Amino acid sequence: MVWRELRTVTSALTLHYNKALFILEPNQISQTVAGKRVEVCEFPDGRLEIRHAGHALPYRIFDKIRQVNQAAVVENKHLDAALSMARLLQDQLPERRRNTSQPSRRSQRSHLFPQPEPSGHL
């Protein structure tokens, strides 16, 4: 069982899916899909693939909903003021959520785009 949706790739090799921007890694295959439709496949275990002509395309994610991690504010004393200001500005924005109109995926992780692990260095 796979949830499949078609998306159009821009000339900059990007596409949008579930309020996130996916950036295709430039390679021989992905260069040919600019302006074409690709298939976004979301698996029940939370994996996501972008496919075209039977090939899985490598990508990076830019999550537009990601919030300032409170741990980053506490751990990074040099950026404390800037991160605190960003947190205050984000708290003033209306709450945004991912689409929930798709079928339920009970075995999927609670968050499609997990928070990055905090780095141990400043």
C-alpha atoms as a PDB file:
ATOM      1  CA  MET A   1       0.000   0.000   0.000  1.00  0.00           C
ATOM      2  CA  VAL A   2       1.457   3.320  -1.128  1.00  0.00           C
ATOM      3  CA  TRP A   3      -0.094   6.797  -1.284  1.00  0.00           C
ATOM      4  CA  ARG A   4       0.854   8.269  -4.685  1.00  0.00           C
ATOM      5  CA  GLU A   5       0.488  11.830  -5.930  1.00  0.00           C
ATOM      6  CA  LEU A   6       1.738  13.536  -9.064  1.00  0.00           C
ATOM      7  CA  ARG A   7       3.722  16.772  -8.836  1.00  0.00           C
ATOM      8  CA  THR A   8       5.341  18.985 -11.475  1.00  0.00           C
ATOM      9  CA  VAL A   9       9.088  19.644 -11.148  1.00  0.00           C
ATOM     10  CA  THR A  10      10.173  23.256 -11.657  1.00  0.00           C
ATOM     11  CA  SER A  11      13.123  24.294 -13.804  1.00  0.00           C
ATOM     12  CA  ALA A  12      15.067  24.712 -10.532  1.00  0.00           C
ATOM     13  CA  LEU A  13      14.457  20.981  -9.824  1.00  0.00           C
ATOM     14  CA  THR A  14      12.047  21.607  -6.933  1.00  0.00           C
ATOM     15  CA  LEU A  15       8.520  20.443  -6.124  1.00  0.00           C
ATOM     16  CA  HIS A  16       6.038  20.953  -3.299  1.00  0.00           C
ATOM     17  CA  TYR A  17       4.378  18.180  -1.316  1.00  0.00           C
ATOM     18  CA  ASN A  18       2.496  18.486   1.965  1.00  0.00           C
ATOM     19  CA  LYS A  19       3.717  22.032   2.670  1.00  0.00           C
ATOM     20  CA  ALA A  20       7.376  21.127   2.218  1.00  0.00           C
ATOM     21  CA  LEU A  21       9.756  22.002  -0.601  1.00  0.00           C
ATOM     22  CA  PHE A  22      11.645  19.051  -2.091  1.00  0.00           C
ATOM     23  CA  ILE A  23      14.890  19.865  -3.885  1.00  0.00           C
ATOM     24  CA  LEU A  24      16.021  17.183  -6.326  1.00  0.00           C
ATOM     25  CA  GLU A  25      19.733  16.461  -6.327  1.00  0.00           C
ATOM     26  CA  PRO A  26      21.092  17.430  -9.751  1.00  0.00           C
ATOM     27  CA  ASN A  27      22.148  14.297 -11.610  1.00  0.00           C
ATOM     28  CA  GLN A  28      21.775  12.822 -15.085  1.00  0.00           C
ATOM     29  CA  ILE A  29      18.216  11.584 -14.486  1.00  0.00           C
ATOM     30  CA  SER A  30      16.831  14.501 -12.486  1.00  0.00           C
ATOM     31  CA  GLN A  31      18.095  17.070 -15.011  1.00  0.00           C
ATOM     32  CA  THR A  32      15.679  15.581 -17.560  1.00  0.00           C
ATOM     33  CA  VAL A  33      12.557  15.911 -15.361  1.00  0.00           C
ATOM     34  CA  ALA A  34      12.444  19.724 -15.190  1.00  0.00           C
ATOM     35  CA  GLY A  35       8.931  20.755 -16.238  1.00  0.00           C
ATOM     36  CA  LYS A  36       7.646  17.160 -16.131  1.00  0.00           C
ATOM     37  CA  ARG A  37       5.368  15.293 -13.721  1.00  0.00           C
ATOM     38  CA  VAL A  38       6.893  12.984 -11.107  1.00  0.00           C
ATOM     39  CA  GLU A  39       5.254  10.610  -8.682  1.00  0.00           C
ATOM     40  CA  VAL A  40       5.588  11.220  -4.939  1.00  0.00           C
ATOM     41  CA  CYS A  41       5.188   7.889  -3.115  1.00  0.00           C
ATOM     42  CA  GLU A  42       4.510   7.928   0.626  1.00  0.00           C
ATOM     43  CA  PHE A  43       4.829   4.511   2.257  1.00  0.00           C
ATOM     44  CA  PRO A  44       2.960   3.375   5.422  1.00  0.00           C
ATOM     45  CA  ASP A  45       6.251   3.206   7.354  1.00  0.00           C
ATOM     46  CA  GLY A  46       6.874   6.940   6.701  1.00  0.00           C
ATOM     47  CA  ARG A  47       9.385   6.604   3.861  1.00  0.00           C
ATOM     48  CA  LEU A  48       8.962   8.959   0.935  1.00  0.00           C
ATOM     49  CA  GLU A  49      10.190   8.448  -2.641  1.00  0.00           C
ATOM     50  CA  ILE A  50      10.077  10.702  -5.667  1.00  0.00           C
ATOM     51  CA  ARG A  51       9.927   8.568  -8.814  1.00  0.00           C
ATOM     52  CA  HIS A  52      10.088   9.195 -12.554  1.00  0.00           C
ATOM     53  CA  ALA A  53      10.183   6.553 -15.287  1.00  0.00           C
ATOM     54  CA  GLY A  54      10.912   3.801 -12.771  1.00  0.00           C
ATOM     55  CA  HIS A  55      13.816   5.654 -11.093  1.00  0.00           C
ATOM     56  CA  ALA A  56      13.867   6.895  -7.493  1.00  0.00           C
ATOM     57  CA  LEU A  57      15.270  10.438  -7.502  1.00  0.00           C
ATOM     58  CA  PRO A  58      17.530  11.640  -4.661  1.00  0.00           C
ATOM     59  CA  TYR A  59      16.299  14.777  -2.890  1.00  0.00           C
ATOM     60  CA  ARG A  60      16.691  17.131   0.068  1.00  0.00           C
ATOM     61  CA  ILE A  61      13.830  18.646   2.051  1.00  0.00           C
ATOM     62  CA  PHE A  62      13.243  22.255   3.008  1.00  0.00           C
ATOM     63  CA  ASP A  63      10.490  22.130   5.619  1.00  0.00           C
ATOM     64  CA  LYS A  64       8.554  25.409   5.574  1.00  0.00           C
ATOM     65  CA  ILE A  65       6.753  24.680   8.848  1.00  0.00           C
ATOM     66  CA  ARG A  66       9.766  23.839  10.998  1.00  0.00           C
ATOM     67  CA  GLN A  67       9.919  25.859  14.201  1.00  0.00           C
ATOM     68  CA  VAL A  68      12.833  27.002  16.334  1.00  0.00           C
ATOM     69  CA  ASN A  69      13.867  24.129  18.573  1.00  0.00           C
ATOM     70  CA  GLN A  70      13.764  25.282  22.217  1.00  0.00           C
ATOM     71  CA  ALA A  71      16.806  23.109  22.986  1.00  0.00           C
ATOM     72  CA  ALA A  72      18.803  25.087  20.405  1.00  0.00           C
ATOM     73  CA  VAL A  73      17.926  28.313  22.233  1.00  0.00           C
ATOM     74  CA  VAL A  74      19.151  26.917  25.554  1.00  0.00           C
ATOM     75  CA  GLU A  75      22.300  25.196  24.228  1.00  0.00           C
ATOM     76  CA  ASN A  76      23.624  27.957  21.956  1.00  0.00           C
ATOM     77  CA  LYS A  77      24.441  30.979  24.092  1.00  0.00           C
ATOM     78  CA  HIS A  78      25.891  32.989  21.177  1.00  0.00           C
ATOM     79  CA  LEU A  79      22.633  32.858  19.217  1.00  0.00           C
ATOM     80  CA  ASP A  80      20.363  33.023  22.237  1.00  0.00           C
ATOM     81  CA  ALA A  81      19.008  36.521  21.494  1.00  0.00           C
ATOM     82  CA  ALA A  82      18.442  35.856  17.769  1.00  0.00           C
ATOM     83  CA  LEU A  83      16.780  32.494  18.374  1.00  0.00           C
ATOM     84  CA  SER A  84      14.607  33.930  21.135  1.00  0.00           C
ATOM     85  CA  MET A  85      13.450  36.700  18.782  1.00  0.00           C
ATOM     86  CA  ALA A  86      12.701  34.147  16.049  1.00  0.00           C
ATOM     87  CA  ARG A  87      10.714  32.091  18.569  1.00  0.00           C
ATOM     88  CA  LEU A  88       8.667  35.157  19.598  1.00  0.00           C
ATOM     89  CA  LEU A  89       7.910  35.977  15.947  1.00  0.00           C
ATOM     90  CA  GLN A  90       6.900  32.375  15.236  1.00  0.00           C
ATOM     91  CA  ASP A  91       4.576  32.348  18.247  1.00  0.00           C
ATOM     92  CA  GLN A  92       2.722  35.335  16.740  1.00  0.00           C
ATOM     93  CA  LEU A  93       2.055  33.502  13.448  1.00  0.00           C
ATOM     94  CA  PRO A  94      -1.189  31.573  12.998  1.00  0.00           C
ATOM     95  CA  GLU A  95      -0.795  27.848  13.588  1.00  0.00           C
ATOM     96  CA  ARG A  96      -0.070  25.870  10.426  1.00  0.00           C
ATOM     97  CA  ARG A  97      -0.595  22.139  10.060  1.00  0.00           C
ATOM     98  CA  ARG A  98       0.180  19.543   7.458  1.00  0.00           C
ATOM     99  CA  ASN A  99      -2.626  18.162   5.326  1.00  0.00           C
ATOM    100  CA  THR A 100      -4.733  15.590   7.115  1.00  0.00           C
ATOM    101  CA  SER A 101      -7.155  14.799   4.300  1.00  0.00           C
ATOM    102  CA  GLN A 102      -5.156  11.795   3.083  1.00  0.00           C
ATOM    103  CA  PRO A 103      -5.863   8.254   4.323  1.00  0.00           C
ATOM    104  CA  SER A 104      -4.777   7.405   7.848  1.00  0.00           C
ATOM    105  CA  ARG A 105      -1.373   5.747   8.159  1.00  0.00           C
ATOM    106  CA  ARG A 106      -1.350   4.202  11.622  1.00  0.00           C
ATOM    107  CA  SER A 107       2.159   2.765  11.376  1.00  0.00           C
ATOM    108  CA  GLN A 108       3.712   6.054  10.212  1.00  0.00           C
ATOM    109  CA  ARG A 109       5.893   8.062  12.537  1.00  0.00           C
ATOM    110  CA  SER A 110       4.103  10.952  14.193  1.00  0.00           C
ATOM    111  CA  HIS A 111       6.121  13.498  12.166  1.00  0.00           C
ATOM    112  CA  LEU A 112       7.006  13.140   8.478  1.00  0.00           C
ATOM    113  CA  PHE A 113      10.041  15.413   8.859  1.00  0.00           C
ATOM    114  CA  PRO A 114      11.762  14.618  12.168  1.00  0.00           C
ATOM    115  CA  GLN A 115      13.601  17.288  14.140  1.00  0.00           C
ATOM    116  CA  PRO A 116      17.382  17.191  13.580  1.00  0.00           C
ATOM    117  CA  GLU A 117      19.514  15.799  16.365  1.00  0.00           C
ATOM    118  CA  PRO A 118      21.152  18.636  18.352  1.00  0.00           C
ATOM    119  CA  SER A 119      24.851  18.953  17.690  1.00  0.00           C
ATOM    120  CA  GLY A 120      27.180  18.709  20.641  1.00  0.00           C
ATOM    121  CA  HIS A 121      29.399  21.627  19.620  1.00  0.00           C
ATOM    122  CA  LEU A 122      28.886  25.400  19.768  1.00  0.00           C
END
